[in-house]
Structure formats: structure tokens, C-alpha cells
């Protein structure tokens, strides 16, 4: 890997609105995503907004998984940032797409820390 980490930015559309507004179900989906990716879960924090919407983070030893939901639009924005080579963030993305019932999605991947790795290699 020529970067310190991989950062997936996810646009999840036409999702199941009930899931997007159910804190327990959303938390379970995020934890399942982290576990399926092979990440080491260190903690989590979620907040339900009134009248709807949830923001949450699963902190993993390798970095984090974040999600913000807009149930009224069937939309969620998620990001999965992992460092090292043992975690597979694309597996976490697949889990979220499936568990949120996203009928449309896009994923943009950004390599993080590439300038650092270039500097280390060139000495």
C-alpha cells in the first residue's frame, strides 16, 4: 500500500427509511460492517435527532466508521477510514449497502497519507 490509509466516502440513496431512523438497528449495522471488514472495535457513539435522523461513529483500532442519516429523504452519508493492510473497508461498505437497503449508492475512495509514504520511501 502506498498510503497510510484508505477512506471510502459513501452516498447511500433510496434506503429503508425505518432503518435509517432506528438507532438500535443502525448501530447493529455499523458494528456488523466493522466486524465484517476485520476491524477491531474500540467503542461507539450514536445520537438520534428529533424529529428524525441519526449520527453515529464506530471507533476501531484502525480508525473509524461514521454515518449520518436523513430518513425523510431515504439518504445516508457514510465514511469508512481504515489504516494498515489487515482491514477491508470495501467489505464494510457492502454490509452497509445491504443492511440499509440502499437501492442506489456511490463510493469514492481516497488514499490518505500518500505524501508521508512518498517522503519515507525517498528517504
PDB file of N, CA and C in Angstrom:
ATOM      1  N   UNK A   1       0.856  -1.183   0.000  1.00  0.00           N
ATOM      2  CA  UNK A   1       0.000   0.000   0.000  1.00  0.00           C
ATOM      3  C   UNK A   1       0.892   1.232   0.000  1.00  0.00           C
ATOM      4  N   UNK A   2       0.598   2.173  -0.862  1.00  0.00           N
ATOM      5  CA  UNK A   2       1.369   3.409  -0.958  1.00  0.00           C
ATOM      6  C   UNK A   2       0.685   4.554  -0.224  1.00  0.00           C
ATOM      7  N   UNK A   3      -0.053   4.238   0.812  1.00  0.00           N
ATOM      8  CA  UNK A   3      -0.746   5.241   1.609  1.00  0.00           C
ATOM      9  C   UNK A   3      -0.841   4.721   3.045  1.00  0.00           C
ATOM     10  N   UNK A   4      -1.073   5.643   3.958  1.00  0.00           N
ATOM     11  CA  UNK A   4      -1.261   5.233   5.350  1.00  0.00           C
ATOM     12  C   UNK A   4      -2.639   4.624   5.576  1.00  0.00           C
ATOM     13  N   UNK A   5      -3.604   5.044   4.763  1.00  0.00           N
ATOM     14  CA  UNK A   5      -4.950   4.527   4.962  1.00  0.00           C
ATOM     15  C   UNK A   5      -5.828   4.687   3.735  1.00  0.00           C
ATOM     16  N   UNK A   6      -6.980   4.026   3.809  1.00  0.00           N
ATOM     17  CA  UNK A   6      -7.996   4.104   2.759  1.00  0.00           C
ATOM     18  C   UNK A   6      -9.241   4.735   3.363  1.00  0.00           C
ATOM     19  N   UNK A   7      -9.824   5.683   2.629  1.00  0.00           N
ATOM     20  CA  UNK A   7     -11.006   6.388   3.114  1.00  0.00           C
ATOM     21  C   UNK A   7     -12.103   6.260   2.061  1.00  0.00           C
ATOM     22  N   UNK A   8     -13.162   5.542   2.391  1.00  0.00           N
ATOM     23  CA  UNK A   8     -14.299   5.389   1.487  1.00  0.00           C
ATOM     24  C   UNK A   8     -15.381   6.387   1.876  1.00  0.00           C
ATOM     25  N   UNK A   9     -15.821   7.188   0.922  1.00  0.00           N
ATOM     26  CA  UNK A   9     -16.926   8.123   1.116  1.00  0.00           C
ATOM     27  C   UNK A   9     -18.123   7.553   0.393  1.00  0.00           C
ATOM     28  N   UNK A  10     -19.202   7.331   1.137  1.00  0.00           N
ATOM     29  CA  UNK A  10     -20.368   6.646   0.584  1.00  0.00           C
ATOM     30  C   UNK A  10     -21.592   7.546   0.521  1.00  0.00           C
ATOM     31  N   UNK A  11     -22.280   7.488  -0.608  1.00  0.00           N
ATOM     32  CA  UNK A  11     -23.583   8.107  -0.801  1.00  0.00           C
ATOM     33  C   UNK A  11     -24.577   6.957  -0.907  1.00  0.00           C
ATOM     34  N   UNK A  12     -25.487   6.855   0.035  1.00  0.00           N
ATOM     35  CA  UNK A  12     -26.461   5.757   0.066  1.00  0.00           C
ATOM     36  C   UNK A  12     -27.856   6.347  -0.132  1.00  0.00           C
ATOM     37  N   UNK A  13     -28.487   5.987  -1.248  1.00  0.00           N
ATOM     38  CA  UNK A  13     -29.771   6.576  -1.605  1.00  0.00           C
ATOM     39  C   UNK A  13     -30.856   5.509  -1.700  1.00  0.00           C
ATOM     40  N   UNK A  14     -32.101   5.984  -1.607  1.00  0.00           N
ATOM     41  CA  UNK A  14     -33.270   5.099  -1.645  1.00  0.00           C
ATOM     42  C   UNK A  14     -33.126   3.967  -0.628  1.00  0.00           C
ATOM     43  N   UNK A  15     -32.729   4.348   0.582  1.00  0.00           N
ATOM     44  CA  UNK A  15     -32.567   3.380   1.680  1.00  0.00           C
ATOM     45  C   UNK A  15     -33.902   3.169   2.382  1.00  0.00           C
ATOM     46  N   UNK A  16     -33.959   2.135   3.192  1.00  0.00           N
ATOM     47  CA  UNK A  16     -35.113   1.856   4.026  1.00  0.00           C
ATOM     48  C   UNK A  16     -35.211   2.952   5.094  1.00  0.00           C
ATOM     49  N   UNK A  17     -36.243   3.761   5.025  1.00  0.00           N
ATOM     50  CA  UNK A  17     -36.382   4.912   5.924  1.00  0.00           C
ATOM     51  C   UNK A  17     -36.518   4.503   7.382  1.00  0.00           C
ATOM     52  N   UNK A  18     -37.171   3.387   7.650  1.00  0.00           N
ATOM     53  CA  UNK A  18     -37.322   2.929   9.033  1.00  0.00           C
ATOM     54  C   UNK A  18     -35.976   2.561   9.644  1.00  0.00           C
ATOM     55  N   UNK A  19     -35.136   1.899   8.866  1.00  0.00           N
ATOM     56  CA  UNK A  19     -33.804   1.532   9.351  1.00  0.00           C
ATOM     57  C   UNK A  19     -32.976   2.785   9.616  1.00  0.00           C
ATOM     58  N   UNK A  20     -33.070   3.765   8.728  1.00  0.00           N
ATOM     59  CA  UNK A  20     -32.297   4.995   8.886  1.00  0.00           C
ATOM     60  C   UNK A  20     -32.678   5.781  10.132  1.00  0.00           C
ATOM     61  N   UNK A  21     -33.847   5.503  10.681  1.00  0.00           N
ATOM     62  CA  UNK A  21     -34.314   6.235  11.862  1.00  0.00           C
ATOM     63  C   UNK A  21     -34.389   5.359  13.104  1.00  0.00           C
ATOM     64  N   UNK A  22     -33.873   4.131  13.018  1.00  0.00           N
ATOM     65  CA  UNK A  22     -33.893   3.215  14.150  1.00  0.00           C
ATOM     66  C   UNK A  22     -32.480   3.093  14.715  1.00  0.00           C
ATOM     67  N   UNK A  23     -32.252   3.719  15.855  1.00  0.00           N
ATOM     68  CA  UNK A  23     -30.907   3.782  16.419  1.00  0.00           C
ATOM     69  C   UNK A  23     -30.313   2.399  16.648  1.00  0.00           C
ATOM     70  N   UNK A  24     -31.070   1.492  17.247  1.00  0.00           N
ATOM     71  CA  UNK A  24     -30.531   0.157  17.548  1.00  0.00           C
ATOM     72  C   UNK A  24     -30.170  -0.614  16.284  1.00  0.00           C
ATOM     73  N   UNK A  25     -31.046  -0.576  15.276  1.00  0.00           N
ATOM     74  CA  UNK A  25     -30.786  -1.290  14.025  1.00  0.00           C
ATOM     75  C   UNK A  25     -29.599  -0.688  13.286  1.00  0.00           C
ATOM     76  N   UNK A  26     -29.509   0.641  13.286  1.00  0.00           N
ATOM     77  CA  UNK A  26     -28.397   1.304  12.620  1.00  0.00           C
ATOM     78  C   UNK A  26     -27.070   0.985  13.319  1.00  0.00           C
ATOM     79  N   UNK A  27     -27.087   0.997  14.641  1.00  0.00           N
ATOM     80  CA  UNK A  27     -25.887   0.662  15.404  1.00  0.00           C
ATOM     81  C   UNK A  27     -25.452  -0.770  15.106  1.00  0.00           C
ATOM     82  N   UNK A  28     -26.403  -1.692  15.065  1.00  0.00           N
ATOM     83  CA  UNK A  28     -26.085  -3.094  14.738  1.00  0.00           C
ATOM     84  C   UNK A  28     -25.469  -3.203  13.341  1.00  0.00           C
ATOM     85  N   UNK A  29     -25.990  -2.443  12.386  1.00  0.00           N
ATOM     86  CA  UNK A  29     -25.471  -2.470  11.015  1.00  0.00           C
ATOM     87  C   UNK A  29     -24.034  -1.950  10.972  1.00  0.00           C
ATOM     88  N   UNK A  30     -23.776  -0.880  11.685  1.00  0.00           N
ATOM     89  CA  UNK A  30     -22.429  -0.307  11.708  1.00  0.00           C
ATOM     90  C   UNK A  30     -21.428  -1.244  12.381  1.00  0.00           C
ATOM     91  N   UNK A  31     -21.831  -1.867  13.482  1.00  0.00           N
ATOM     92  CA  UNK A  31     -20.940  -2.808  14.165  1.00  0.00           C
ATOM     93  C   UNK A  31     -20.695  -4.048  13.301  1.00  0.00           C
ATOM     94  N   UNK A  32     -21.735  -4.505  12.613  1.00  0.00           N
ATOM     95  CA  UNK A  32     -21.577  -5.651  11.703  1.00  0.00           C
ATOM     96  C   UNK A  32     -20.621  -5.290  10.567  1.00  0.00           C
ATOM     97  N   UNK A  33     -20.718  -4.074  10.067  1.00  0.00           N
ATOM     98  CA  UNK A  33     -19.835  -3.627   8.987  1.00  0.00           C
ATOM     99  C   UNK A  33     -18.380  -3.622   9.449  1.00  0.00           C
ATOM    100  N   UNK A  34     -18.141  -3.103  10.633  1.00  0.00           N
ATOM    101  CA  UNK A  34     -16.777  -3.070  11.177  1.00  0.00           C
ATOM    102  C   UNK A  34     -16.239  -4.485  11.361  1.00  0.00           C
ATOM    103  N   UNK A  35     -17.049  -5.352  11.913  1.00  0.00           N
ATOM    104  CA  UNK A  35     -16.616  -6.732  12.146  1.00  0.00           C
ATOM    105  C   UNK A  35     -16.358  -7.479  10.846  1.00  0.00           C
ATOM    106  N   UNK A  36     -17.235  -7.314   9.870  1.00  0.00           N
ATOM    107  CA  UNK A  36     -17.072  -7.991   8.579  1.00  0.00           C
ATOM    108  C   UNK A  36     -15.799  -7.529   7.869  1.00  0.00           C
ATOM    109  N   UNK A  37     -15.430  -6.276   8.081  1.00  0.00           N
ATOM    110  CA  UNK A  37     -14.221  -5.736   7.461  1.00  0.00           C
ATOM    111  C   UNK A  37     -12.947  -6.243   8.144  1.00  0.00           C
ATOM    112  N   UNK A  38     -13.105  -6.834   9.323  1.00  0.00           N
ATOM    113  CA  UNK A  38     -11.937  -7.309  10.063  1.00  0.00           C
ATOM    114  C   UNK A  38     -11.338  -6.259  10.982  1.00  0.00           C
ATOM    115  N   UNK A  39     -12.107  -5.211  11.293  1.00  0.00           N
ATOM    116  CA  UNK A  39     -11.623  -4.142  12.166  1.00  0.00           C
ATOM    117  C   UNK A  39     -11.788  -4.539  13.635  1.00  0.00           C
ATOM    118  N   UNK A  40     -11.010  -3.882  14.485  1.00  0.00           N
ATOM    119  CA  UNK A  40     -11.067  -4.103  15.930  1.00  0.00           C
ATOM    120  C   UNK A  40     -11.879  -2.977  16.557  1.00  0.00           C
ATOM    121  N   UNK A  41     -13.102  -3.279  16.979  1.00  0.00           N
ATOM    122  CA  UNK A  41     -13.994  -2.264  17.542  1.00  0.00           C
ATOM    123  C   UNK A  41     -13.506  -1.856  18.931  1.00  0.00           C
ATOM    124  N   UNK A  42     -13.339  -0.534  19.105  1.00  0.00           N
ATOM    125  CA  UNK A  42     -12.880   0.026  20.374  1.00  0.00           C
ATOM    126  C   UNK A  42     -14.015   0.721  21.137  1.00  0.00           C
ATOM    127  N   UNK A  43     -15.023   1.181  20.409  1.00  0.00           N
ATOM    128  CA  UNK A  43     -16.136   1.882  21.041  1.00  0.00           C
ATOM    129  C   UNK A  43     -17.076   2.427  19.994  1.00  0.00           C
ATOM    130  N   UNK A  44     -18.196   2.997  20.463  1.00  0.00           N
ATOM    131  CA  UNK A  44     -19.166   3.581  19.544  1.00  0.00           C
ATOM    132  C   UNK A  44     -19.952   4.662  20.254  1.00  0.00           C
ATOM    133  N   UNK A  45     -20.519   5.574  19.461  1.00  0.00           N
ATOM    134  CA  UNK A  45     -21.376   6.625  19.987  1.00  0.00           C
ATOM    135  C   UNK A  45     -22.388   6.990  18.904  1.00  0.00           C
ATOM    136  N   UNK A  46     -23.667   7.011  19.289  1.00  0.00           N
ATOM    137  CA  UNK A  46     -24.741   7.329  18.355  1.00  0.00           C
ATOM    138  C   UNK A  46     -25.688   8.334  18.997  1.00  0.00           C
ATOM    139  N   UNK A  47     -26.280   9.188  18.166  1.00  0.00           N
ATOM    140  CA  UNK A  47     -27.246  10.169  18.646  1.00  0.00           C
ATOM    141  C   UNK A  47     -28.427  10.218  17.690  1.00  0.00           C
ATOM    142  N   UNK A  48     -29.629  10.135  18.253  1.00  0.00           N
ATOM    143  CA  UNK A  48     -30.858  10.253  17.457  1.00  0.00           C
ATOM    144  C   UNK A  48     -31.361  11.682  17.574  1.00  0.00           C
ATOM    145  N   UNK A  49     -31.639  12.308  16.431  1.00  0.00           N
ATOM    146  CA  UNK A  49     -32.130  13.676  16.399  1.00  0.00           C
ATOM    147  C   UNK A  49     -33.649  13.689  16.383  1.00  0.00           C
ATOM    148  N   UNK A  50     -34.238  14.814  16.815  1.00  0.00           N
ATOM    149  CA  UNK A  50     -35.679  14.985  16.824  1.00  0.00           C
ATOM    150  C   UNK A  50     -36.041  15.966  15.714  1.00  0.00           C
ATOM    151  N   UNK A  51     -36.912  15.667  14.790  1.00  0.00           N
ATOM    152  CA  UNK A  51     -37.832  14.534  14.804  1.00  0.00           C
ATOM    153  C   UNK A  51     -37.276  13.266  14.147  1.00  0.00           C
ATOM    154  N   UNK A  52     -36.170  13.354  13.407  1.00  0.00           N
ATOM    155  CA  UNK A  52     -35.638  12.157  12.771  1.00  0.00           C
ATOM    156  C   UNK A  52     -34.177  12.374  12.388  1.00  0.00           C
ATOM    157  N   UNK A  53     -33.504  11.267  12.141  1.00  0.00           N
ATOM    158  CA  UNK A  53     -32.105  11.292  11.746  1.00  0.00           C
ATOM    159  C   UNK A  53     -31.188  10.826  12.859  1.00  0.00           C
ATOM    160  N   UNK A  54     -30.119  10.203  12.460  1.00  0.00           N
ATOM    161  CA  UNK A  54     -29.142   9.653  13.404  1.00  0.00           C
ATOM    162  C   UNK A  54     -27.745   9.950  12.890  1.00  0.00           C
ATOM    163  N   UNK A  55     -26.850  10.267  13.803  1.00  0.00           N
ATOM    164  CA  UNK A  55     -25.423  10.344  13.503  1.00  0.00           C
ATOM    165  C   UNK A  55     -24.723   9.377  14.437  1.00  0.00           C
ATOM    166  N   UNK A  56     -23.735   8.683  13.900  1.00  0.00           N
ATOM    167  CA  UNK A  56     -23.036   7.735  14.745  1.00  0.00           C
ATOM    168  C   UNK A  56     -21.645   7.419  14.251  1.00  0.00           C
ATOM    169  N   UNK A  57     -20.828   6.962  15.190  1.00  0.00           N
ATOM    170  CA  UNK A  57     -19.460   6.571  14.874  1.00  0.00           C
ATOM    171  C   UNK A  57     -19.135   5.265  15.592  1.00  0.00           C
ATOM    172  N   UNK A  58     -18.431   4.421  14.875  1.00  0.00           N
ATOM    173  CA  UNK A  58     -17.824   3.237  15.476  1.00  0.00           C
ATOM    174  C   UNK A  58     -16.322   3.480  15.383  1.00  0.00           C
ATOM    175  N   UNK A  59     -15.692   3.582  16.529  1.00  0.00           N
ATOM    176  CA  UNK A  59     -14.252   3.790  16.572  1.00  0.00           C
ATOM    177  C   UNK A  59     -13.588   2.422  16.542  1.00  0.00           C
ATOM    178  N   UNK A  60     -12.672   2.252  15.616  1.00  0.00           N
ATOM    179  CA  UNK A  60     -11.934   0.996  15.504  1.00  0.00           C
ATOM    180  C   UNK A  60     -10.453   1.295  15.689  1.00  0.00           C
ATOM    181  N   UNK A  61      -9.692   0.299  16.088  1.00  0.00           N
ATOM    182  CA  UNK A  61      -8.255   0.493  16.294  1.00  0.00           C
ATOM    183  C   UNK A  61      -7.602   1.018  15.027  1.00  0.00           C
ATOM    184  N   UNK A  62      -8.174   0.682  13.890  1.00  0.00           N
ATOM    185  CA  UNK A  62      -7.625   1.062  12.582  1.00  0.00           C
ATOM    186  C   UNK A  62      -8.153   2.399  12.085  1.00  0.00           C
ATOM    187  N   UNK A  63      -9.094   3.037  12.756  1.00  0.00           N
ATOM    188  CA  UNK A  63      -9.606   4.385  12.520  1.00  0.00           C
ATOM    189  C   UNK A  63     -11.088   4.480  12.866  1.00  0.00           C
ATOM    190  N   UNK A  64     -12.017   4.596  11.868  1.00  0.00           N
ATOM    191  CA  UNK A  64     -13.416   4.799  12.227  1.00  0.00           C
ATOM    192  C   UNK A  64     -14.383   4.494  11.080  1.00  0.00           C
ATOM    193  N   UNK A  65     -15.657   4.330  11.465  1.00  0.00           N
ATOM    194  CA  UNK A  65     -16.783   4.288  10.534  1.00  0.00           C
ATOM    195  C   UNK A  65     -17.780   5.331  11.036  1.00  0.00           C
ATOM    196  N   UNK A  66     -18.197   6.238  10.178  1.00  0.00           N
ATOM    197  CA  UNK A  66     -19.165   7.287  10.519  1.00  0.00           C
ATOM    198  C   UNK A  66     -20.393   7.154   9.647  1.00  0.00           C
ATOM    199  N   UNK A  67     -21.547   7.578  10.188  1.00  0.00           N
ATOM    200  CA  UNK A  67     -22.763   7.630   9.375  1.00  0.00           C
ATOM    201  C   UNK A  67     -23.635   8.786   9.845  1.00  0.00           C
ATOM    202  N   UNK A  68     -24.318   9.400   8.897  1.00  0.00           N
ATOM    203  CA  UNK A  68     -25.300  10.457   9.161  1.00  0.00           C
ATOM    204  C   UNK A  68     -26.515  10.122   8.296  1.00  0.00           C
ATOM    205  N   UNK A  69     -27.705  10.080   8.892  1.00  0.00           N
ATOM    206  CA  UNK A  69     -28.891   9.687   8.128  1.00  0.00           C
ATOM    207  C   UNK A  69     -29.915  10.812   8.040  1.00  0.00           C
ATOM    208  N   UNK A  70     -30.613  10.809   6.906  1.00  0.00           N
ATOM    209  CA  UNK A  70     -31.750  11.679   6.651  1.00  0.00           C
ATOM    210  C   UNK A  70     -32.898  10.764   6.216  1.00  0.00           C
ATOM    211  N   UNK A  71     -33.599  10.169   7.184  1.00  0.00           N
ATOM    212  CA  UNK A  71     -34.668   9.219   6.834  1.00  0.00           C
ATOM    213  C   UNK A  71     -35.739   9.821   5.942  1.00  0.00           C
ATOM    214  N   UNK A  72     -36.029  11.094   6.134  1.00  0.00           N
ATOM    215  CA  UNK A  72     -37.084  11.738   5.348  1.00  0.00           C
ATOM    216  C   UNK A  72     -36.750  11.777   3.858  1.00  0.00           C
ATOM    217  N   UNK A  73     -35.469  11.595   3.525  1.00  0.00           N
ATOM    218  CA  UNK A  73     -35.032  11.547   2.123  1.00  0.00           C
ATOM    219  C   UNK A  73     -34.554  10.158   1.715  1.00  0.00           C
ATOM    220  N   UNK A  74     -34.585   9.206   2.641  1.00  0.00           N
ATOM    221  CA  UNK A  74     -34.082   7.866   2.334  1.00  0.00           C
ATOM    222  C   UNK A  74     -32.584   7.875   2.042  1.00  0.00           C
ATOM    223  N   UNK A  75     -31.871   8.800   2.673  1.00  0.00           N
ATOM    224  CA  UNK A  75     -30.465   9.037   2.353  1.00  0.00           C
ATOM    225  C   UNK A  75     -29.567   8.891   3.582  1.00  0.00           C
ATOM    226  N   UNK A  76     -28.377   8.353   3.351  1.00  0.00           N
ATOM    227  CA  UNK A  76     -27.341   8.311   4.387  1.00  0.00           C
ATOM    228  C   UNK A  76     -25.996   8.633   3.750  1.00  0.00           C
ATOM    229  N   UNK A  77     -25.176   9.348   4.492  1.00  0.00           N
ATOM    230  CA  UNK A  77     -23.787   9.602   4.115  1.00  0.00           C
ATOM    231  C   UNK A  77     -22.931   8.838   5.111  1.00  0.00           C
ATOM    232  N   UNK A  78     -22.004   8.054   4.596  1.00  0.00           N
ATOM    233  CA  UNK A  78     -21.143   7.270   5.485  1.00  0.00           C
ATOM    234  C   UNK A  78     -19.706   7.393   5.029  1.00  0.00           C
ATOM    235  N   UNK A  79     -18.797   7.280   5.990  1.00  0.00           N
ATOM    236  CA  UNK A  79     -17.402   7.176   5.599  1.00  0.00           C
ATOM    237  C   UNK A  79     -16.729   6.113   6.443  1.00  0.00           C
ATOM    238  N   UNK A  80     -15.834   5.414   5.785  1.00  0.00           N
ATOM    239  CA  UNK A  80     -15.099   4.310   6.389  1.00  0.00           C
ATOM    240  C   UNK A  80     -13.624   4.606   6.165  1.00  0.00           C
ATOM    241  N   UNK A  81     -12.904   4.836   7.252  1.00  0.00           N
ATOM    242  CA  UNK A  81     -11.488   5.166   7.159  1.00  0.00           C
ATOM    243  C   UNK A  81     -10.712   4.085   7.902  1.00  0.00           C
ATOM    244  N   UNK A  82      -9.826   3.408   7.198  1.00  0.00           N
ATOM    245  CA  UNK A  82      -9.026   2.353   7.816  1.00  0.00           C
ATOM    246  C   UNK A  82      -7.556   2.540   7.485  1.00  0.00           C
ATOM    247  N   UNK A  83      -6.727   2.218   8.449  1.00  0.00           N
ATOM    248  CA  UNK A  83      -5.279   2.284   8.282  1.00  0.00           C
ATOM    249  C   UNK A  83      -4.715   0.868   8.281  1.00  0.00           C
ATOM    250  N   UNK A  84      -3.573   0.707   7.661  1.00  0.00           N
ATOM    251  CA  UNK A  84      -2.932  -0.602   7.628  1.00  0.00           C
ATOM    252  C   UNK A  84      -3.453  -1.454   6.493  1.00  0.00           C
ATOM    253  N   UNK A  85      -3.077  -2.716   6.523  1.00  0.00           N
ATOM    254  CA  UNK A  85      -3.423  -3.616   5.417  1.00  0.00           C
ATOM    255  C   UNK A  85      -4.317  -4.779   5.825  1.00  0.00           C
ATOM    256  N   UNK A  86      -4.694  -4.866   7.099  1.00  0.00           N
ATOM    257  CA  UNK A  86      -5.463  -6.030   7.549  1.00  0.00           C
ATOM    258  C   UNK A  86      -6.970  -5.850   7.422  1.00  0.00           C
ATOM    259  N   UNK A  87      -7.450  -4.614   7.368  1.00  0.00           N
ATOM    260  CA  UNK A  87      -8.887  -4.341   7.300  1.00  0.00           C
ATOM    261  C   UNK A  87      -9.295  -4.135   5.843  1.00  0.00           C
ATOM    262  N   UNK A  88     -10.481  -4.625   5.497  1.00  0.00           N
ATOM    263  CA  UNK A  88     -11.010  -4.497   4.139  1.00  0.00           C
ATOM    264  C   UNK A  88     -12.242  -3.592   4.167  1.00  0.00           C
ATOM    265  N   UNK A  89     -12.046  -2.274   3.977  1.00  0.00           N
ATOM    266  CA  UNK A  89     -13.168  -1.342   4.093  1.00  0.00           C
ATOM    267  C   UNK A  89     -14.276  -1.590   3.069  1.00  0.00           C
ATOM    268  N   UNK A  90     -13.923  -2.168   1.914  1.00  0.00           N
ATOM    269  CA  UNK A  90     -14.962  -2.444   0.917  1.00  0.00           C
ATOM    270  C   UNK A  90     -15.975  -3.467   1.440  1.00  0.00           C
ATOM    271  N   UNK A  91     -15.551  -4.368   2.323  1.00  0.00           N
ATOM    272  CA  UNK A  91     -16.500  -5.319   2.921  1.00  0.00           C
ATOM    273  C   UNK A  91     -17.462  -4.594   3.850  1.00  0.00           C
ATOM    274  N   UNK A  92     -16.961  -3.620   4.592  1.00  0.00           N
ATOM    275  CA  UNK A  92     -17.832  -2.817   5.454  1.00  0.00           C
ATOM    276  C   UNK A  92     -18.852  -2.070   4.603  1.00  0.00           C
ATOM    277  N   UNK A  93     -18.413  -1.532   3.482  1.00  0.00           N
ATOM    278  CA  UNK A  93     -19.316  -0.813   2.580  1.00  0.00           C
ATOM    279  C   UNK A  93     -20.429  -1.731   2.072  1.00  0.00           C
ATOM    280  N   UNK A  94     -20.072  -2.946   1.676  1.00  0.00           N
ATOM    281  CA  UNK A  94     -21.065  -3.913   1.196  1.00  0.00           C
ATOM    282  C   UNK A  94     -22.115  -4.198   2.264  1.00  0.00           C
ATOM    283  N   UNK A  95     -21.682  -4.344   3.504  1.00  0.00           N
ATOM    284  CA  UNK A  95     -22.608  -4.619   4.606  1.00  0.00           C
ATOM    285  C   UNK A  95     -23.582  -3.457   4.779  1.00  0.00           C
ATOM    286  N   UNK A  96     -23.075  -2.227   4.759  1.00  0.00           N
ATOM    287  CA  UNK A  96     -23.958  -1.073   4.931  1.00  0.00           C
ATOM    288  C   UNK A  96     -24.961  -0.953   3.793  1.00  0.00           C
ATOM    289  N   UNK A  97     -24.520  -1.163   2.572  1.00  0.00           N
ATOM    290  CA  UNK A  97     -25.430  -1.099   1.430  1.00  0.00           C
ATOM    291  C   UNK A  97     -26.564  -2.102   1.607  1.00  0.00           C
ATOM    292  N   UNK A  98     -26.208  -3.320   1.994  1.00  0.00           N
ATOM    293  CA  UNK A  98     -27.216  -4.369   2.173  1.00  0.00           C
ATOM    294  C   UNK A  98     -28.135  -4.088   3.358  1.00  0.00           C
ATOM    295  N   UNK A  99     -27.566  -3.785   4.511  1.00  0.00           N
ATOM    296  CA  UNK A  99     -28.373  -3.639   5.733  1.00  0.00           C
ATOM    297  C   UNK A  99     -29.243  -2.392   5.734  1.00  0.00           C
ATOM    298  N   UNK A 100     -28.838  -1.351   4.993  1.00  0.00           N
ATOM    299  CA  UNK A 100     -29.656  -0.146   4.908  1.00  0.00           C
ATOM    300  C   UNK A 100     -30.645  -0.210   3.749  1.00  0.00           C
ATOM    301  N   UNK A 101     -30.549  -1.253   2.936  1.00  0.00           N
ATOM    302  CA  UNK A 101     -31.465  -1.424   1.816  1.00  0.00           C
ATOM    303  C   UNK A 101     -31.271  -0.367   0.741  1.00  0.00           C
ATOM    304  N   UNK A 102     -30.038   0.102   0.559  1.00  0.00           N
ATOM    305  CA  UNK A 102     -29.756   1.157  -0.426  1.00  0.00           C
ATOM    306  C   UNK A 102     -29.963   0.623  -1.841  1.00  0.00           C
ATOM    307  N   UNK A 103     -30.897   1.225  -2.571  1.00  0.00           N
ATOM    308  CA  UNK A 103     -31.137   0.819  -3.956  1.00  0.00           C
ATOM    309  C   UNK A 103     -30.168   1.503  -4.914  1.00  0.00           C
ATOM    310  N   UNK A 104     -29.595   2.627  -4.460  1.00  0.00           N
ATOM    311  CA  UNK A 104     -28.575   3.340  -5.238  1.00  0.00           C
ATOM    312  C   UNK A 104     -27.446   3.716  -4.289  1.00  0.00           C
ATOM    313  N   UNK A 105     -26.231   3.650  -4.801  1.00  0.00           N
ATOM    314  CA  UNK A 105     -25.100   4.063  -3.981  1.00  0.00           C
ATOM    315  C   UNK A 105     -23.919   4.445  -4.862  1.00  0.00           C
ATOM    316  N   UNK A 106     -23.041   5.224  -4.287  1.00  0.00           N
ATOM    317  CA  UNK A 106     -21.765   5.509  -4.931  1.00  0.00           C
ATOM    318  C   UNK A 106     -20.699   5.533  -3.836  1.00  0.00           C
ATOM    319  N   UNK A 107     -19.502   5.150  -4.235  1.00  0.00           N
ATOM    320  CA  UNK A 107     -18.381   5.109  -3.299  1.00  0.00           C
ATOM    321  C   UNK A 107     -17.184   5.783  -3.957  1.00  0.00           C
ATOM    322  N   UNK A 108     -16.603   6.721  -3.251  1.00  0.00           N
ATOM    323  CA  UNK A 108     -15.379   7.370  -3.699  1.00  0.00           C
ATOM    324  C   UNK A 108     -14.281   6.966  -2.713  1.00  0.00           C
ATOM    325  N   UNK A 109     -13.156   6.499  -3.229  1.00  0.00           N
ATOM    326  CA  UNK A 109     -12.048   6.112  -2.351  1.00  0.00           C
ATOM    327  C   UNK A 109     -10.927   7.139  -2.452  1.00  0.00           C
ATOM    328  N   UNK A 110     -10.428   7.524  -1.293  1.00  0.00           N
ATOM    329  CA  UNK A 110      -9.313   8.461  -1.206  1.00  0.00           C
ATOM    330  C   UNK A 110      -8.175   7.767  -0.459  1.00  0.00           C
ATOM    331  N   UNK A 111      -6.996   7.775  -1.036  1.00  0.00           N
ATOM    332  CA  UNK A 111      -5.811   7.257  -0.356  1.00  0.00           C
ATOM    333  C   UNK A 111      -5.319   8.360   0.582  1.00  0.00           C
ATOM    334  N   UNK A 112      -5.192   8.041   1.867  1.00  0.00           N
ATOM    335  CA  UNK A 112      -4.780   9.030   2.861  1.00  0.00           C
ATOM    336  C   UNK A 112      -3.314   8.838   3.217  1.00  0.00           C
ATOM    337  N   UNK A 113      -2.608   9.923   3.427  1.00  0.00           N
ATOM    338  CA  UNK A 113      -1.218   9.863   3.846  1.00  0.00           C
ATOM    339  C   UNK A 113      -0.247   9.504   2.747  1.00  0.00           C
ATOM    340  N   UNK A 114      -0.594   9.804   1.504  1.00  0.00           N
ATOM    341  CA  UNK A 114       0.288   9.431   0.390  1.00  0.00           C
ATOM    342  C   UNK A 114       1.560  10.277   0.378  1.00  0.00           C
ATOM    343  N   UNK A 115       1.498  11.534   0.786  1.00  0.00           N
ATOM    344  CA  UNK A 115       2.693  12.387   0.804  1.00  0.00           C
ATOM    345  C   UNK A 115       3.693  11.882   1.846  1.00  0.00           C
ATOM    346  N   UNK A 116       3.184  11.380   2.950  1.00  0.00           N
ATOM    347  CA  UNK A 116       4.050  10.847   4.003  1.00  0.00           C
ATOM    348  C   UNK A 116       4.780   9.617   3.497  1.00  0.00           C
ATOM    349  N   UNK A 117       4.044   8.702   2.861  1.00  0.00           N
ATOM    350  CA  UNK A 117       4.670   7.473   2.390  1.00  0.00           C
ATOM    351  C   UNK A 117       5.677   7.760   1.277  1.00  0.00           C
ATOM    352  N   UNK A 118       5.408   8.780   0.442  1.00  0.00           N
ATOM    353  CA  UNK A 118       6.370   9.160  -0.605  1.00  0.00           C
ATOM    354  C   UNK A 118       7.665   9.671   0.026  1.00  0.00           C
ATOM    355  N   UNK A 119       7.521  10.487   1.070  1.00  0.00           N
ATOM    356  CA  UNK A 119       8.677  11.066   1.753  1.00  0.00           C
ATOM    357  C   UNK A 119       9.508   9.987   2.437  1.00  0.00           C
ATOM    358  N   UNK A 120       8.847   9.004   3.051  1.00  0.00           N
ATOM    359  CA  UNK A 120       9.541   7.915   3.732  1.00  0.00           C
ATOM    360  C   UNK A 120      10.303   7.059   2.720  1.00  0.00           C
ATOM    361  N   UNK A 121       9.662   6.762   1.575  1.00  0.00           N
ATOM    362  CA  UNK A 121      10.321   5.936   0.559  1.00  0.00           C
ATOM    363  C   UNK A 121      11.520   6.635  -0.061  1.00  0.00           C
ATOM    364  N   UNK A 122      11.434   7.962  -0.237  1.00  0.00           N
ATOM    365  CA  UNK A 122      12.523   8.671  -0.908  1.00  0.00           C
ATOM    366  C   UNK A 122      13.649   9.039   0.056  1.00  0.00           C
ATOM    367  N   UNK A 123      13.412   8.841   1.364  1.00  0.00           N
ATOM    368  CA  UNK A 123      14.448   8.994   2.363  1.00  0.00           C
ATOM    369  C   UNK A 123      14.714  10.385   2.747  1.00  0.00           C
TER     370      UNK A 123
END
